[in-house]
Amino acid sequence: MKPQPRFTLAATTLDAPNPLELAQFYQGLLGWLVRKEEPGWVEIAAPDDSAGLSFQTEPLFTRPQWPSTRSEQQMMMHLDIEVDDLSAAVEHALALGATVADFQPQADVRVLCDPAGHPFCLFVRTGPSA
């Protein structure tokens, strides 16, 4: 039997009407560096060069709706971002151009939307692994 080939997640890619603008938002949010930039495509990564985020132009981009409805573009995925101070992190994200989602399903998590409308969650890890 053949050994399983190695798989390494390199990046998660978000569609956007303006990938550079969205990359700059996440660069400011996460403090990551640009790994690659070309027309219609930008990659950012953590300083340790682990898996990053990529952004690509989608000319037919439609902002996702959070929470989902049957009649509008549904969220297909979202990012969970651990922070050490939830209120300070929300304030920082808002200053960069995020908006707070109207629907907040959990008291200890904040759902925000990036400038293109992708929902993302900020949370402080609690419990034994904190």
Protein backbone atom coordinates (compact mmCIF):
# COMPACT_ATOMS: atom_id res chain seq x y z
CA MET A 1 0.00 0.00 0.00
CA LYS A 2 1.27 3.42 -0.93
CA PRO A 3 1.87 5.93 1.87
CA GLN A 4 -0.48 8.86 1.96
CA PRO A 5 0.99 11.93 0.26
CA ARG A 6 1.73 14.93 2.46
CA PHE A 7 -0.98 17.62 2.57
CA THR A 8 -0.29 21.08 4.00
CA LEU A 9 -2.89 23.81 4.14
CA ALA A 10 -1.14 26.81 2.56
CA ALA A 11 -3.89 29.40 2.64
CA THR A 12 -7.57 30.15 2.81
CA THR A 13 -8.71 32.27 -0.12
CA LEU A 14 -11.42 34.92 0.11
CA ASP A 15 -13.13 36.33 -2.97
CA ALA A 16 -13.51 40.10 -3.07
CA PRO A 17 -14.34 42.92 -5.45
CA ASN A 18 -10.99 44.51 -4.45
CA PRO A 19 -8.46 41.95 -3.17
CA LEU A 20 -5.79 44.52 -2.31
CA GLU A 21 -8.20 46.48 -0.11
CA LEU A 22 -9.31 43.35 1.69
CA ALA A 23 -5.72 42.12 2.11
CA GLN A 24 -4.78 45.47 3.65
CA PHE A 25 -7.65 45.14 6.13
CA TYR A 26 -6.51 41.68 7.29
CA GLN A 27 -2.88 42.79 7.25
CA GLY A 28 -3.78 45.54 9.72
CA LEU A 29 -5.98 43.21 11.77
CA LEU A 30 -3.50 40.34 12.07
CA GLY A 31 -0.19 42.16 11.69
CA TRP A 32 0.80 39.80 8.87
CA LEU A 33 3.09 40.53 5.92
CA VAL A 34 2.40 40.46 2.18
CA ARG A 35 3.85 37.25 0.74
CA LYS A 36 2.79 37.86 -2.88
CA GLU A 37 0.95 40.55 -4.80
CA GLU A 38 -0.06 40.54 -8.43
CA PRO A 39 -3.06 41.88 -10.35
CA GLY A 40 -6.22 40.35 -8.90
CA TRP A 41 -4.35 38.35 -6.24
CA VAL A 42 -2.74 39.09 -2.85
CA GLU A 43 -1.34 36.67 -0.26
CA ILE A 44 -0.54 37.54 3.35
CA ALA A 45 1.10 35.30 5.95
CA ALA A 46 2.12 35.24 9.58
CA PRO A 47 5.76 36.13 10.30
CA ASP A 48 6.53 32.40 10.77
CA ASP A 49 5.34 31.88 7.15
CA SER A 50 2.71 29.34 8.20
CA ALA A 51 -0.63 29.08 6.42
CA GLY A 52 -1.91 32.46 5.35
CA LEU A 53 -4.81 34.20 3.73
CA SER A 54 -5.17 34.91 0.02
CA PHE A 55 -7.53 37.31 -1.69
CA GLN A 56 -8.68 37.12 -5.29
CA THR A 57 -10.79 39.29 -7.51
CA GLU A 58 -14.31 38.03 -8.06
CA PRO A 59 -16.07 40.30 -10.55
CA LEU A 60 -19.49 38.86 -9.65
CA PHE A 61 -18.90 39.09 -5.89
CA THR A 62 -22.04 39.38 -3.77
CA ARG A 63 -21.75 40.25 -0.09
CA PRO A 64 -22.78 37.32 2.11
CA GLN A 65 -25.71 37.74 4.46
CA TRP A 66 -25.26 37.06 8.19
CA PRO A 67 -27.26 35.45 9.55
CA SER A 68 -28.22 33.45 6.49
CA THR A 69 -31.50 33.87 4.69
CA ARG A 70 -32.93 31.81 1.86
CA SER A 71 -33.19 34.77 -0.50
CA GLU A 72 -29.66 36.23 -0.20
CA GLN A 73 -26.07 35.07 -0.66
CA GLN A 74 -25.26 32.81 2.28
CA MET A 75 -21.99 32.82 4.18
CA MET A 76 -19.93 29.88 2.90
CA MET A 77 -17.22 30.02 5.58
CA HIS A 78 -15.87 32.34 8.23
CA LEU A 79 -12.64 32.96 10.12
CA ASP A 80 -12.35 32.42 13.88
CA ILE A 81 -9.67 34.72 15.28
CA GLU A 82 -8.43 34.32 18.84
CA VAL A 83 -7.63 37.56 20.68
CA ASP A 84 -6.41 38.38 24.18
CA ASP A 85 -8.77 41.33 24.81
CA LEU A 86 -12.16 41.13 23.12
CA SER A 87 -13.27 44.74 23.52
CA ALA A 88 -9.88 46.13 22.40
CA ALA A 89 -9.83 43.74 19.43
CA VAL A 90 -13.33 44.80 18.35
CA GLU A 91 -12.32 48.46 18.62
CA HIS A 92 -9.20 47.83 16.51
CA ALA A 93 -11.18 45.93 13.86
CA LEU A 94 -13.77 48.72 13.68
CA ALA A 95 -11.02 51.33 13.22
CA LEU A 96 -9.74 49.30 10.25
CA GLY A 97 -13.17 49.24 8.57
CA ALA A 98 -15.00 46.25 10.03
CA THR A 99 -18.62 46.47 11.12
CA VAL A 100 -20.32 44.68 14.01
CA ALA A 101 -22.92 42.19 12.81
CA ASP A 102 -26.47 42.81 14.02
CA PHE A 103 -26.83 39.18 15.12
CA GLN A 104 -24.54 38.02 17.94
CA PRO A 105 -25.18 34.34 18.78
CA GLN A 106 -22.81 34.10 21.76
CA ALA A 107 -22.03 36.49 24.62
CA ASP A 108 -18.29 35.71 24.62
CA VAL A 109 -17.77 35.97 20.83
CA ARG A 110 -18.13 39.00 18.59
CA VAL A 111 -19.20 38.53 14.98
CA LEU A 112 -17.96 41.29 12.70
CA CYS A 113 -17.90 41.73 8.94
CA ASP A 114 -14.83 42.75 6.99
CA PRO A 115 -15.06 45.58 4.40
CA ALA A 116 -16.21 43.10 1.71
CA GLY A 117 -18.88 41.67 4.02
CA HIS A 118 -17.28 38.36 5.02
CA PRO A 119 -18.27 37.54 8.62
CA PHE A 120 -15.49 36.70 11.05
CA CYS A 121 -15.48 35.93 14.77
CA LEU A 122 -13.26 37.33 17.50
CA PHE A 123 -13.01 35.35 20.73
CA VAL A 124 -10.89 34.95 23.86
CA ARG A 125 -9.97 31.33 24.57
CA THR A 126 -11.21 30.16 27.95
CA GLY A 127 -11.03 26.85 29.77
CA PRO A 128 -8.21 24.34 30.31
CA SER A 129 -6.28 25.12 27.11
CA ALA A 130 -6.36 28.91 27.68
